[in-house]
């Protein structure tokens, strides 16, 4: 790969989907996107139960609705974040400004650090 500003080749090059799909961070983003769907879907579909005696639904995680809400929020935020950075991966080779590339890379690093911390 040719050297360039913040890990990209020459800006303004043609979009190459084969190169995009072969990049490790793109593969990991797609896998993370799928896992976020699994987390969100499993909590929404099976995280709440209806009790016949009580007549209302409750969260299966210690009957604490905050636990289910937290899981749903994490799943939705992970889903949206993965989509955002997948779109950025597609658009990144077209960014010609070094400052904009720097912002994109630093935001990716910052979000990754924040997610790892949580």
PDB file of N, CA and C in Angstrom:
ATOM      1  N   UNK A   1       0.838  -1.181   0.000  1.00  0.00           N
ATOM      2  CA  UNK A   1       0.000   0.000   0.000  1.00  0.00           C
ATOM      3  C   UNK A   1       0.879   1.239   0.000  1.00  0.00           C
ATOM      4  N   UNK A   2       0.503   2.192  -0.748  1.00  0.00           N
ATOM      5  CA  UNK A   2       1.273   3.419  -0.832  1.00  0.00           C
ATOM      6  C   UNK A   2       1.084   4.229   0.443  1.00  0.00           C
ATOM      7  N   UNK A   3       2.127   4.934   0.836  1.00  0.00           N
ATOM      8  CA  UNK A   3       2.040   5.762   2.024  1.00  0.00           C
ATOM      9  C   UNK A   3       1.222   6.997   1.760  1.00  0.00           C
ATOM     10  N   UNK A   4       0.623   7.521   2.795  1.00  0.00           N
ATOM     11  CA  UNK A   4      -0.185   8.715   2.648  1.00  0.00           C
ATOM     12  C   UNK A   4      -0.529   9.266   4.011  1.00  0.00           C
ATOM     13  N   UNK A   5      -1.349  10.260   3.990  1.00  0.00           N
ATOM     14  CA  UNK A   5      -1.742  10.911   5.227  1.00  0.00           C
ATOM     15  C   UNK A   5      -2.708  10.037   6.008  1.00  0.00           C
ATOM     16  N   UNK A   6      -2.336   9.689   7.222  1.00  0.00           N
ATOM     17  CA  UNK A   6      -3.190   8.944   8.143  1.00  0.00           C
ATOM     18  C   UNK A   6      -3.689   7.639   7.562  1.00  0.00           C
ATOM     19  N   UNK A   7      -2.780   6.875   6.993  1.00  0.00           N
ATOM     20  CA  UNK A   7      -3.079   5.521   6.592  1.00  0.00           C
ATOM     21  C   UNK A   7      -3.797   5.352   5.277  1.00  0.00           C
ATOM     22  N   UNK A   8      -3.966   6.375   4.518  1.00  0.00           N
ATOM     23  CA  UNK A   8      -4.673   6.248   3.247  1.00  0.00           C
ATOM     24  C   UNK A   8      -3.696   6.440   2.100  1.00  0.00           C
ATOM     25  N   UNK A   9      -4.070   5.932   0.961  1.00  0.00           N
ATOM     26  CA  UNK A   9      -3.285   6.150  -0.243  1.00  0.00           C
ATOM     27  C   UNK A   9      -3.543   7.547  -0.756  1.00  0.00           C
ATOM     28  N   UNK A  10      -3.345   7.729  -2.022  1.00  0.00           N
ATOM     29  CA  UNK A  10      -3.581   9.040  -2.611  1.00  0.00           C
ATOM     30  C   UNK A  10      -5.059   9.380  -2.560  1.00  0.00           C
ATOM     31  N   UNK A  11      -5.347  10.564  -2.107  1.00  0.00           N
ATOM     32  CA  UNK A  11      -6.741  10.998  -1.981  1.00  0.00           C
ATOM     33  C   UNK A  11      -7.345  11.209  -3.358  1.00  0.00           C
ATOM     34  N   UNK A  12      -8.633  10.958  -3.448  1.00  0.00           N
ATOM     35  CA  UNK A  12      -9.337  11.171  -4.705  1.00  0.00           C
ATOM     36  C   UNK A  12      -9.241   9.996  -5.650  1.00  0.00           C
ATOM     37  N   UNK A  13      -8.694   8.874  -5.179  1.00  0.00           N
ATOM     38  CA  UNK A  13      -8.591   7.700  -6.023  1.00  0.00           C
ATOM     39  C   UNK A  13      -9.953   7.052  -6.225  1.00  0.00           C
ATOM     40  N   UNK A  14      -9.996   6.132  -7.153  1.00  0.00           N
ATOM     41  CA  UNK A  14     -11.243   5.435  -7.440  1.00  0.00           C
ATOM     42  C   UNK A  14     -11.598   4.500  -6.286  1.00  0.00           C
ATOM     43  N   UNK A  15     -12.884   4.330  -6.048  1.00  0.00           N
ATOM     44  CA  UNK A  15     -13.366   3.459  -4.995  1.00  0.00           C
ATOM     45  C   UNK A  15     -13.167   2.002  -5.412  1.00  0.00           C
ATOM     46  N   UNK A  16     -12.511   1.238  -4.564  1.00  0.00           N
ATOM     47  CA  UNK A  16     -12.248  -0.167  -4.850  1.00  0.00           C
ATOM     48  C   UNK A  16     -12.879  -1.018  -3.750  1.00  0.00           C
ATOM     49  N   UNK A  17     -14.052  -1.618  -4.016  1.00  0.00           N
ATOM     50  CA  UNK A  17     -14.719  -2.402  -2.981  1.00  0.00           C
ATOM     51  C   UNK A  17     -13.922  -3.637  -2.547  1.00  0.00           C
ATOM     52  N   UNK A  18     -13.135  -4.209  -3.446  1.00  0.00           N
ATOM     53  CA  UNK A  18     -12.334  -5.376  -3.084  1.00  0.00           C
ATOM     54  C   UNK A  18     -11.303  -5.024  -2.020  1.00  0.00           C
ATOM     55  N   UNK A  19     -10.655  -3.902  -2.165  1.00  0.00           N
ATOM     56  CA  UNK A  19      -9.679  -3.448  -1.174  1.00  0.00           C
ATOM     57  C   UNK A  19     -10.367  -3.127   0.151  1.00  0.00           C
ATOM     58  N   UNK A  20     -11.523  -2.513   0.078  1.00  0.00           N
ATOM     59  CA  UNK A  20     -12.272  -2.166   1.297  1.00  0.00           C
ATOM     60  C   UNK A  20     -12.649  -3.416   2.080  1.00  0.00           C
ATOM     61  N   UNK A  21     -13.131  -4.430   1.402  1.00  0.00           N
ATOM     62  CA  UNK A  21     -13.598  -5.648   2.069  1.00  0.00           C
ATOM     63  C   UNK A  21     -12.434  -6.434   2.667  1.00  0.00           C
ATOM     64  N   UNK A  22     -11.253  -6.323   2.099  1.00  0.00           N
ATOM     65  CA  UNK A  22     -10.092  -7.072   2.577  1.00  0.00           C
ATOM     66  C   UNK A  22      -9.397  -6.411   3.759  1.00  0.00           C
ATOM     67  N   UNK A  23      -9.747  -5.199   4.102  1.00  0.00           N
ATOM     68  CA  UNK A  23      -9.086  -4.524   5.217  1.00  0.00           C
ATOM     69  C   UNK A  23      -9.573  -5.102   6.546  1.00  0.00           C
ATOM     70  N   UNK A  24      -8.646  -5.386   7.472  1.00  0.00           N
ATOM     71  CA  UNK A  24      -9.038  -6.009   8.742  1.00  0.00           C
ATOM     72  C   UNK A  24     -10.037  -5.168   9.556  1.00  0.00           C
ATOM     73  N   UNK A  25      -9.862  -3.854   9.581  1.00  0.00           N
ATOM     74  CA  UNK A  25     -10.779  -3.053  10.392  1.00  0.00           C
ATOM     75  C   UNK A  25     -12.189  -3.043   9.795  1.00  0.00           C
ATOM     76  N   UNK A  26     -12.303  -3.189   8.486  1.00  0.00           N
ATOM     77  CA  UNK A  26     -13.628  -3.270   7.873  1.00  0.00           C
ATOM     78  C   UNK A  26     -14.295  -4.590   8.238  1.00  0.00           C
ATOM     79  N   UNK A  27     -13.536  -5.669   8.213  1.00  0.00           N
ATOM     80  CA  UNK A  27     -14.068  -6.977   8.594  1.00  0.00           C
ATOM     81  C   UNK A  27     -14.531  -6.950  10.047  1.00  0.00           C
ATOM     82  N   UNK A  28     -13.715  -6.372  10.924  1.00  0.00           N
ATOM     83  CA  UNK A  28     -14.081  -6.295  12.337  1.00  0.00           C
ATOM     84  C   UNK A  28     -15.304  -5.408  12.561  1.00  0.00           C
ATOM     85  N   UNK A  29     -15.450  -4.357  11.775  1.00  0.00           N
ATOM     86  CA  UNK A  29     -16.638  -3.502  11.909  1.00  0.00           C
ATOM     87  C   UNK A  29     -17.906  -4.262  11.508  1.00  0.00           C
ATOM     88  N   UNK A  30     -17.816  -5.068  10.457  1.00  0.00           N
ATOM     89  CA  UNK A  30     -18.981  -5.849  10.030  1.00  0.00           C
ATOM     90  C   UNK A  30     -19.334  -6.889  11.091  1.00  0.00           C
ATOM     91  N   UNK A  31     -18.324  -7.556  11.653  1.00  0.00           N
ATOM     92  CA  UNK A  31     -18.571  -8.534  12.719  1.00  0.00           C
ATOM     93  C   UNK A  31     -19.174  -7.844  13.941  1.00  0.00           C
ATOM     94  N   UNK A  32     -18.662  -6.680  14.307  1.00  0.00           N
ATOM     95  CA  UNK A  32     -19.222  -5.917  15.436  1.00  0.00           C
ATOM     96  C   UNK A  32     -20.653  -5.494  15.155  1.00  0.00           C
ATOM     97  N   UNK A  33     -20.925  -5.125  13.920  1.00  0.00           N
ATOM     98  CA  UNK A  33     -22.280  -4.745  13.533  1.00  0.00           C
ATOM     99  C   UNK A  33     -23.229  -5.928  13.709  1.00  0.00           C
ATOM    100  N   UNK A  34     -22.805  -7.110  13.281  1.00  0.00           N
ATOM    101  CA  UNK A  34     -23.639  -8.297  13.458  1.00  0.00           C
ATOM    102  C   UNK A  34     -23.857  -8.630  14.927  1.00  0.00           C
ATOM    103  N   UNK A  35     -22.815  -8.527  15.743  1.00  0.00           N
ATOM    104  CA  UNK A  35     -22.964  -8.786  17.175  1.00  0.00           C
ATOM    105  C   UNK A  35     -23.884  -7.761  17.840  1.00  0.00           C
ATOM    106  N   UNK A  36     -23.841  -6.526  17.383  1.00  0.00           N
ATOM    107  CA  UNK A  36     -24.741  -5.529  17.965  1.00  0.00           C
ATOM    108  C   UNK A  36     -26.194  -5.859  17.661  1.00  0.00           C
ATOM    109  N   UNK A  37     -26.439  -6.403  16.470  1.00  0.00           N
ATOM    110  CA  UNK A  37     -27.798  -6.840  16.127  1.00  0.00           C
ATOM    111  C   UNK A  37     -28.220  -7.993  17.025  1.00  0.00           C
ATOM    112  N   UNK A  38     -27.296  -8.920  17.297  1.00  0.00           N
ATOM    113  CA  UNK A  38     -27.601 -10.058  18.165  1.00  0.00           C
ATOM    114  C   UNK A  38     -27.918  -9.584  19.585  1.00  0.00           C
ATOM    115  N   UNK A  39     -27.116  -8.672  20.116  1.00  0.00           N
ATOM    116  CA  UNK A  39     -27.347  -8.166  21.471  1.00  0.00           C
ATOM    117  C   UNK A  39     -28.698  -7.458  21.553  1.00  0.00           C
ATOM    118  N   UNK A  40     -28.934  -6.549  20.639  1.00  0.00           N
ATOM    119  CA  UNK A  40     -30.190  -5.804  20.641  1.00  0.00           C
ATOM    120  C   UNK A  40     -31.382  -6.742  20.453  1.00  0.00           C
ATOM    121  N   UNK A  41     -31.295  -7.629  19.482  1.00  0.00           N
ATOM    122  CA  UNK A  41     -32.406  -8.523  19.188  1.00  0.00           C
ATOM    123  C   UNK A  41     -32.709  -9.498  20.303  1.00  0.00           C
ATOM    124  N   UNK A  42     -31.672 -10.043  20.921  1.00  0.00           N
ATOM    125  CA  UNK A  42     -31.910 -11.018  21.980  1.00  0.00           C
ATOM    126  C   UNK A  42     -32.533 -10.377  23.213  1.00  0.00           C
ATOM    127  N   UNK A  43     -32.135  -9.174  23.540  1.00  0.00           N
ATOM    128  CA  UNK A  43     -32.718  -8.514  24.712  1.00  0.00           C
ATOM    129  C   UNK A  43     -34.132  -8.050  24.419  1.00  0.00           C
ATOM    130  N   UNK A  44     -34.368  -7.524  23.248  1.00  0.00           N
ATOM    131  CA  UNK A  44     -35.714  -7.049  22.920  1.00  0.00           C
ATOM    132  C   UNK A  44     -36.700  -8.217  22.828  1.00  0.00           C
ATOM    133  N   UNK A  45     -36.261  -9.330  22.221  1.00  0.00           N
ATOM    134  CA  UNK A  45     -37.174 -10.454  22.021  1.00  0.00           C
ATOM    135  C   UNK A  45     -37.311 -11.355  23.244  1.00  0.00           C
ATOM    136  N   UNK A  46     -36.225 -11.599  23.951  1.00  0.00           N
ATOM    137  CA  UNK A  46     -36.269 -12.556  25.054  1.00  0.00           C
ATOM    138  C   UNK A  46     -35.907 -11.954  26.410  1.00  0.00           C
ATOM    139  N   UNK A  47     -35.674 -10.678  26.471  1.00  0.00           N
ATOM    140  CA  UNK A  47     -35.275 -10.053  27.728  1.00  0.00           C
ATOM    141  C   UNK A  47     -36.437  -9.715  28.644  1.00  0.00           C
ATOM    142  N   UNK A  48     -37.618  -9.670  28.111  1.00  0.00           N
ATOM    143  CA  UNK A  48     -38.802  -9.346  28.894  1.00  0.00           C
ATOM    144  C   UNK A  48     -39.755 -10.533  28.884  1.00  0.00           C
ATOM    145  N   UNK A  49     -40.338 -10.836  30.031  1.00  0.00           N
ATOM    146  CA  UNK A  49     -41.303 -11.922  30.143  1.00  0.00           C
ATOM    147  C   UNK A  49     -42.608 -11.383  30.715  1.00  0.00           C
ATOM    148  N   UNK A  50     -43.685 -12.009  30.327  1.00  0.00           N
ATOM    149  CA  UNK A  50     -44.989 -11.685  30.903  1.00  0.00           C
ATOM    150  C   UNK A  50     -45.292 -12.696  31.993  1.00  0.00           C
ATOM    151  N   UNK A  51     -45.576 -12.189  33.162  1.00  0.00           N
ATOM    152  CA  UNK A  51     -45.933 -13.057  34.273  1.00  0.00           C
ATOM    153  C   UNK A  51     -47.451 -13.232  34.290  1.00  0.00           C
ATOM    154  N   UNK A  52     -47.888 -14.477  34.375  1.00  0.00           N
ATOM    155  CA  UNK A  52     -49.325 -14.749  34.402  1.00  0.00           C
ATOM    156  C   UNK A  52     -49.962 -14.237  35.692  1.00  0.00           C
ATOM    157  N   UNK A  53     -49.199 -14.277  36.785  1.00  0.00           N
ATOM    158  CA  UNK A  53     -49.770 -13.843  38.063  1.00  0.00           C
ATOM    159  C   UNK A  53     -49.786 -12.316  38.207  1.00  0.00           C
ATOM    160  N   UNK A  54     -48.788 -11.644  37.657  1.00  0.00           N
ATOM    161  CA  UNK A  54     -48.699 -10.196  37.808  1.00  0.00           C
ATOM    162  C   UNK A  54     -49.409  -9.440  36.688  1.00  0.00           C
ATOM    163  N   UNK A  55     -49.463 -10.007  35.517  1.00  0.00           N
ATOM    164  CA  UNK A  55     -50.148  -9.363  34.415  1.00  0.00           C
ATOM    165  C   UNK A  55     -49.358  -8.302  33.684  1.00  0.00           C
ATOM    166  N   UNK A  56     -48.119  -8.097  34.036  1.00  0.00           N
ATOM    167  CA  UNK A  56     -47.284  -7.125  33.309  1.00  0.00           C
ATOM    168  C   UNK A  56     -45.926  -7.745  33.035  1.00  0.00           C
ATOM    169  N   UNK A  57     -45.242  -7.200  32.031  1.00  0.00           N
ATOM    170  CA  UNK A  57     -43.949  -7.761  31.664  1.00  0.00           C
ATOM    171  C   UNK A  57     -42.855  -7.234  32.575  1.00  0.00           C
ATOM    172  N   UNK A  58     -41.803  -8.066  32.723  1.00  0.00           N
ATOM    173  CA  UNK A  58     -40.671  -7.673  33.543  1.00  0.00           C
ATOM    174  C   UNK A  58     -39.392  -8.138  32.873  1.00  0.00           C
ATOM    175  N   UNK A  59     -38.301  -7.499  33.226  1.00  0.00           N
ATOM    176  CA  UNK A  59     -36.987  -7.844  32.687  1.00  0.00           C
ATOM    177  C   UNK A  59     -36.477  -9.098  33.385  1.00  0.00           C
ATOM    178  N   UNK A  60     -35.933 -10.040  32.618  1.00  0.00           N
ATOM    179  CA  UNK A  60     -35.474 -11.293  33.211  1.00  0.00           C
ATOM    180  C   UNK A  60     -34.165 -11.128  33.974  1.00  0.00           C
ATOM    181  N   UNK A  61     -33.490 -10.020  33.812  1.00  0.00           N
ATOM    182  CA  UNK A  61     -32.226  -9.785  34.511  1.00  0.00           C
ATOM    183  C   UNK A  61     -32.510  -9.196  35.881  1.00  0.00           C
ATOM    184  N   UNK A  62     -32.772 -10.076  36.830  1.00  0.00           N
ATOM    185  CA  UNK A  62     -33.020  -9.706  38.223  1.00  0.00           C
ATOM    186  C   UNK A  62     -34.244  -8.799  38.362  1.00  0.00           C
ATOM    187  N   UNK A  63     -35.152  -8.910  37.416  1.00  0.00           N
ATOM    188  CA  UNK A  63     -36.379  -8.091  37.410  1.00  0.00           C
ATOM    189  C   UNK A  63     -36.071  -6.593  37.472  1.00  0.00           C
ATOM    190  N   UNK A  64     -34.940  -6.225  36.897  1.00  0.00           N
ATOM    191  CA  UNK A  64     -34.504  -4.836  36.908  1.00  0.00           C
ATOM    192  C   UNK A  64     -34.667  -4.267  35.497  1.00  0.00           C
ATOM    193  N   UNK A  65     -35.619  -3.357  35.292  1.00  0.00           N
ATOM    194  CA  UNK A  65     -35.807  -2.819  33.939  1.00  0.00           C
ATOM    195  C   UNK A  65     -34.619  -2.004  33.433  1.00  0.00           C
ATOM    196  N   UNK A  66     -33.799  -1.478  34.350  1.00  0.00           N
ATOM    197  CA  UNK A  66     -32.619  -0.722  33.930  1.00  0.00           C
ATOM    198  C   UNK A  66     -31.593  -1.622  33.242  1.00  0.00           C
ATOM    199  N   UNK A  67     -31.510  -2.881  33.655  1.00  0.00           N
ATOM    200  CA  UNK A  67     -30.566  -3.806  33.031  1.00  0.00           C
ATOM    201  C   UNK A  67     -30.944  -4.041  31.571  1.00  0.00           C
ATOM    202  N   UNK A  68     -32.224  -4.251  31.303  1.00  0.00           N
ATOM    203  CA  UNK A  68     -32.662  -4.452  29.923  1.00  0.00           C
ATOM    204  C   UNK A  68     -32.514  -3.165  29.115  1.00  0.00           C
ATOM    205  N   UNK A  69     -32.823  -2.038  29.715  1.00  0.00           N
ATOM    206  CA  UNK A  69     -32.679  -0.759  29.005  1.00  0.00           C
ATOM    207  C   UNK A  69     -31.225  -0.487  28.658  1.00  0.00           C
ATOM    208  N   UNK A  70     -30.316  -0.816  29.576  1.00  0.00           N
ATOM    209  CA  UNK A  70     -28.889  -0.632  29.319  1.00  0.00           C
ATOM    210  C   UNK A  70     -28.432  -1.510  28.150  1.00  0.00           C
ATOM    211  N   UNK A  71     -28.851  -2.772  28.140  1.00  0.00           N
ATOM    212  CA  UNK A  71     -28.481  -3.672  27.064  1.00  0.00           C
ATOM    213  C   UNK A  71     -29.005  -3.220  25.715  1.00  0.00           C
ATOM    214  N   UNK A  72     -30.240  -2.742  25.698  1.00  0.00           N
ATOM    215  CA  UNK A  72     -30.824  -2.235  24.452  1.00  0.00           C
ATOM    216  C   UNK A  72     -30.062  -0.993  23.989  1.00  0.00           C
ATOM    217  N   UNK A  73     -29.733  -0.099  24.928  1.00  0.00           N
ATOM    218  CA  UNK A  73     -29.005   1.126  24.571  1.00  0.00           C
ATOM    219  C   UNK A  73     -27.621   0.789  24.020  1.00  0.00           C
ATOM    220  N   UNK A  74     -26.934  -0.151  24.636  1.00  0.00           N
ATOM    221  CA  UNK A  74     -25.608  -0.556  24.152  1.00  0.00           C
ATOM    222  C   UNK A  74     -25.713  -1.156  22.756  1.00  0.00           C
ATOM    223  N   UNK A  75     -26.707  -1.996  22.537  1.00  0.00           N
ATOM    224  CA  UNK A  75     -26.887  -2.605  21.222  1.00  0.00           C
ATOM    225  C   UNK A  75     -27.180  -1.580  20.138  1.00  0.00           C
ATOM    226  N   UNK A  76     -28.049  -0.614  20.444  1.00  0.00           N
ATOM    227  CA  UNK A  76     -28.401   0.417  19.457  1.00  0.00           C
ATOM    228  C   UNK A  76     -27.207   1.323  19.175  1.00  0.00           C
ATOM    229  N   UNK A  77     -26.501   1.759  20.229  1.00  0.00           N
ATOM    230  CA  UNK A  77     -25.332   2.621  20.015  1.00  0.00           C
ATOM    231  C   UNK A  77     -24.233   1.900  19.243  1.00  0.00           C
ATOM    232  N   UNK A  78     -24.014   0.633  19.528  1.00  0.00           N
ATOM    233  CA  UNK A  78     -23.009  -0.129  18.793  1.00  0.00           C
ATOM    234  C   UNK A  78     -23.411  -0.271  17.325  1.00  0.00           C
ATOM    235  N   UNK A  79     -24.691  -0.523  17.078  1.00  0.00           N
ATOM    236  CA  UNK A  79     -25.192  -0.644  15.715  1.00  0.00           C
ATOM    237  C   UNK A  79     -24.973   0.648  14.933  1.00  0.00           C
ATOM    238  N   UNK A  80     -25.365   1.764  15.517  1.00  0.00           N
ATOM    239  CA  UNK A  80     -25.224   3.054  14.832  1.00  0.00           C
ATOM    240  C   UNK A  80     -23.759   3.445  14.645  1.00  0.00           C
ATOM    241  N   UNK A  81     -22.936   3.172  15.649  1.00  0.00           N
ATOM    242  CA  UNK A  81     -21.511   3.492  15.548  1.00  0.00           C
ATOM    243  C   UNK A  81     -20.847   2.669  14.449  1.00  0.00           C
ATOM    244  N   UNK A  82     -21.175   1.397  14.380  1.00  0.00           N
ATOM    245  CA  UNK A  82     -20.602   0.551  13.320  1.00  0.00           C
ATOM    246  C   UNK A  82     -21.014   1.040  11.938  1.00  0.00           C
ATOM    247  N   UNK A  83     -22.279   1.402  11.787  1.00  0.00           N
ATOM    248  CA  UNK A  83     -22.723   1.916  10.486  1.00  0.00           C
ATOM    249  C   UNK A  83     -22.019   3.220  10.137  1.00  0.00           C
ATOM    250  N   UNK A  84     -21.866   4.097  11.116  1.00  0.00           N
ATOM    251  CA  UNK A  84     -21.197   5.376  10.876  1.00  0.00           C
ATOM    252  C   UNK A  84     -19.760   5.162  10.400  1.00  0.00           C
ATOM    253  N   UNK A  85     -19.029   4.290  11.083  1.00  0.00           N
ATOM    254  CA  UNK A  85     -17.629   4.099  10.718  1.00  0.00           C
ATOM    255  C   UNK A  85     -17.465   3.218   9.481  1.00  0.00           C
ATOM    256  N   UNK A  86     -18.429   2.377   9.177  1.00  0.00           N
ATOM    257  CA  UNK A  86     -18.383   1.683   7.883  1.00  0.00           C
ATOM    258  C   UNK A  86     -18.554   2.680   6.742  1.00  0.00           C
ATOM    259  N   UNK A  87     -19.466   3.624   6.929  1.00  0.00           N
ATOM    260  CA  UNK A  87     -19.638   4.665   5.907  1.00  0.00           C
ATOM    261  C   UNK A  87     -18.373   5.521   5.799  1.00  0.00           C
ATOM    262  N   UNK A  88     -17.754   5.799   6.924  1.00  0.00           N
ATOM    263  CA  UNK A  88     -16.506   6.573   6.897  1.00  0.00           C
ATOM    264  C   UNK A  88     -15.395   5.799   6.194  1.00  0.00           C
ATOM    265  N   UNK A  89     -15.347   4.481   6.381  1.00  0.00           N
ATOM    266  CA  UNK A  89     -14.354   3.664   5.683  1.00  0.00           C
ATOM    267  C   UNK A  89     -14.535   3.735   4.169  1.00  0.00           C
ATOM    268  N   UNK A  90     -15.783   3.775   3.731  1.00  0.00           N
ATOM    269  CA  UNK A  90     -16.059   3.878   2.295  1.00  0.00           C
ATOM    270  C   UNK A  90     -15.645   5.250   1.780  1.00  0.00           C
ATOM    271  N   UNK A  91     -15.929   6.280   2.540  1.00  0.00           N
ATOM    272  CA  UNK A  91     -15.689   7.663   2.117  1.00  0.00           C
ATOM    273  C   UNK A  91     -14.243   8.108   2.335  1.00  0.00           C
ATOM    274  N   UNK A  92     -13.504   7.429   3.206  1.00  0.00           N
ATOM    275  CA  UNK A  92     -12.177   7.884   3.620  1.00  0.00           C
ATOM    276  C   UNK A  92     -11.190   8.114   2.469  1.00  0.00           C
ATOM    277  N   UNK A  93     -11.111   7.234   1.477  1.00  0.00           N
ATOM    278  CA  UNK A  93     -10.155   7.496   0.383  1.00  0.00           C
ATOM    279  C   UNK A  93     -10.469   8.755  -0.419  1.00  0.00           C
ATOM    280  N   UNK A  94     -11.690   9.237  -0.344  1.00  0.00           N
ATOM    281  CA  UNK A  94     -12.070  10.425  -1.105  1.00  0.00           C
ATOM    282  C   UNK A  94     -11.740  11.722  -0.366  1.00  0.00           C
ATOM    283  N   UNK A  95     -11.394  11.629   0.913  1.00  0.00           N
ATOM    284  CA  UNK A  95     -11.090  12.827   1.701  1.00  0.00           C
ATOM    285  C   UNK A  95      -9.696  13.314   1.327  1.00  0.00           C
ATOM    286  N   UNK A  96      -9.621  14.536   0.839  1.00  0.00           N
ATOM    287  CA  UNK A  96      -8.329  15.042   0.381  1.00  0.00           C
ATOM    288  C   UNK A  96      -7.625  15.899   1.432  1.00  0.00           C
ATOM    289  N   UNK A  97      -8.357  16.447   2.358  1.00  0.00           N
ATOM    290  CA  UNK A  97      -7.762  17.305   3.376  1.00  0.00           C
ATOM    291  C   UNK A  97      -7.111  16.463   4.472  1.00  0.00           C
ATOM    292  N   UNK A  98      -5.858  16.768   4.764  1.00  0.00           N
ATOM    293  CA  UNK A  98      -5.148  16.056   5.819  1.00  0.00           C
ATOM    294  C   UNK A  98      -5.800  16.318   7.173  1.00  0.00           C
ATOM    295  N   UNK A  99      -6.288  17.523   7.384  1.00  0.00           N
ATOM    296  CA  UNK A  99      -6.950  17.842   8.645  1.00  0.00           C
ATOM    297  C   UNK A  99      -8.215  17.020   8.829  1.00  0.00           C
ATOM    298  N   UNK A 100      -8.990  16.846   7.766  1.00  0.00           N
ATOM    299  CA  UNK A 100     -10.213  16.051   7.858  1.00  0.00           C
ATOM    300  C   UNK A 100      -9.895  14.573   8.078  1.00  0.00           C
ATOM    301  N   UNK A 101      -8.836  14.088   7.435  1.00  0.00           N
ATOM    302  CA  UNK A 101      -8.418  12.704   7.667  1.00  0.00           C
ATOM    303  C   UNK A 101      -7.980  12.509   9.110  1.00  0.00           C
ATOM    304  N   UNK A 102      -7.276  13.493   9.623  1.00  0.00           N
ATOM    305  CA  UNK A 102      -6.819  13.417  11.006  1.00  0.00           C
ATOM    306  C   UNK A 102      -8.010  13.370  11.952  1.00  0.00           C
ATOM    307  N   UNK A 103      -9.017  14.183  11.696  1.00  0.00           N
ATOM    308  CA  UNK A 103     -10.219  14.179  12.537  1.00  0.00           C
ATOM    309  C   UNK A 103     -10.919  12.831  12.477  1.00  0.00           C
ATOM    310  N   UNK A 104     -10.994  12.260  11.285  1.00  0.00           N
ATOM    311  CA  UNK A 104     -11.660  10.967  11.120  1.00  0.00           C
ATOM    312  C   UNK A 104     -10.916   9.868  11.880  1.00  0.00           C
ATOM    313  N   UNK A 105      -9.608   9.844  11.754  1.00  0.00           N
ATOM    314  CA  UNK A 105      -8.811   8.814  12.422  1.00  0.00           C
ATOM    315  C   UNK A 105      -8.856   9.000  13.935  1.00  0.00           C
ATOM    316  N   UNK A 106      -8.728  10.229  14.403  1.00  0.00           N
ATOM    317  CA  UNK A 106      -8.755  10.474  15.844  1.00  0.00           C
ATOM    318  C   UNK A 106     -10.133  10.198  16.446  1.00  0.00           C
ATOM    319  N   UNK A 107     -11.190  10.472  15.700  1.00  0.00           N
ATOM    320  CA  UNK A 107     -12.524  10.139  16.229  1.00  0.00           C
ATOM    321  C   UNK A 107     -12.701   8.627  16.318  1.00  0.00           C
ATOM    322  N   UNK A 108     -12.174   7.901  15.350  1.00  0.00           N
ATOM    323  CA  UNK A 108     -12.236   6.444  15.394  1.00  0.00           C
ATOM    324  C   UNK A 108     -11.467   5.920  16.603  1.00  0.00           C
ATOM    325  N   UNK A 109     -10.280   6.445  16.825  1.00  0.00           N
ATOM    326  CA  UNK A 109      -9.472   6.020  17.973  1.00  0.00           C
ATOM    327  C   UNK A 109     -10.174   6.389  19.282  1.00  0.00           C
ATOM    328  N   UNK A 110     -10.736   7.584  19.352  1.00  0.00           N
ATOM    329  CA  UNK A 110     -11.431   8.015  20.569  1.00  0.00           C
ATOM    330  C   UNK A 110     -12.650   7.170  20.878  1.00  0.00           C
ATOM    331  N   UNK A 111     -13.444   6.884  19.877  1.00  0.00           N
ATOM    332  CA  UNK A 111     -14.635   6.042  20.086  1.00  0.00           C
ATOM    333  C   UNK A 111     -14.228   4.632  20.476  1.00  0.00           C
ATOM    334  N   UNK A 112     -13.182   4.103  19.858  1.00  0.00           N
ATOM    335  CA  UNK A 112     -12.710   2.768  20.204  1.00  0.00           C
ATOM    336  C   UNK A 112     -12.199   2.727  21.647  1.00  0.00           C
ATOM    337  N   UNK A 113     -11.493   3.753  22.065  1.00  0.00           N
ATOM    338  CA  UNK A 113     -11.004   3.810  23.442  1.00  0.00           C
ATOM    339  C   UNK A 113     -12.163   3.926  24.425  1.00  0.00           C
ATOM    340  N   UNK A 114     -13.163   4.714  24.080  1.00  0.00           N
ATOM    341  CA  UNK A 114     -14.326   4.871  24.960  1.00  0.00           C
ATOM    342  C   UNK A 114     -15.100   3.557  25.077  1.00  0.00           C
ATOM    343  N   UNK A 115     -15.262   2.837  23.952  1.00  0.00           N
ATOM    344  CA  UNK A 115     -15.973   1.567  23.979  1.00  0.00           C
ATOM    345  C   UNK A 115     -15.197   0.521  24.765  1.00  0.00           C
ATOM    346  N   UNK A 116     -13.877   0.535  24.673  1.00  0.00           N
ATOM    347  CA  UNK A 116     -13.053  -0.416  25.403  1.00  0.00           C
ATOM    348  C   UNK A 116     -13.118  -0.134  26.901  1.00  0.00           C
ATOM    349  N   UNK A 117     -13.177   1.129  27.250  1.00  0.00           N
ATOM    350  CA  UNK A 117     -13.237   1.524  28.650  1.00  0.00           C
ATOM    351  C   UNK A 117     -14.541   1.093  29.304  1.00  0.00           C
ATOM    352  N   UNK A 118     -15.622   1.110  28.552  1.00  0.00           N
ATOM    353  CA  UNK A 118     -16.940   0.839  29.133  1.00  0.00           C
ATOM    354  C   UNK A 118     -17.109  -0.569  29.510  1.00  0.00           C
TER     355      UNK A 118
END
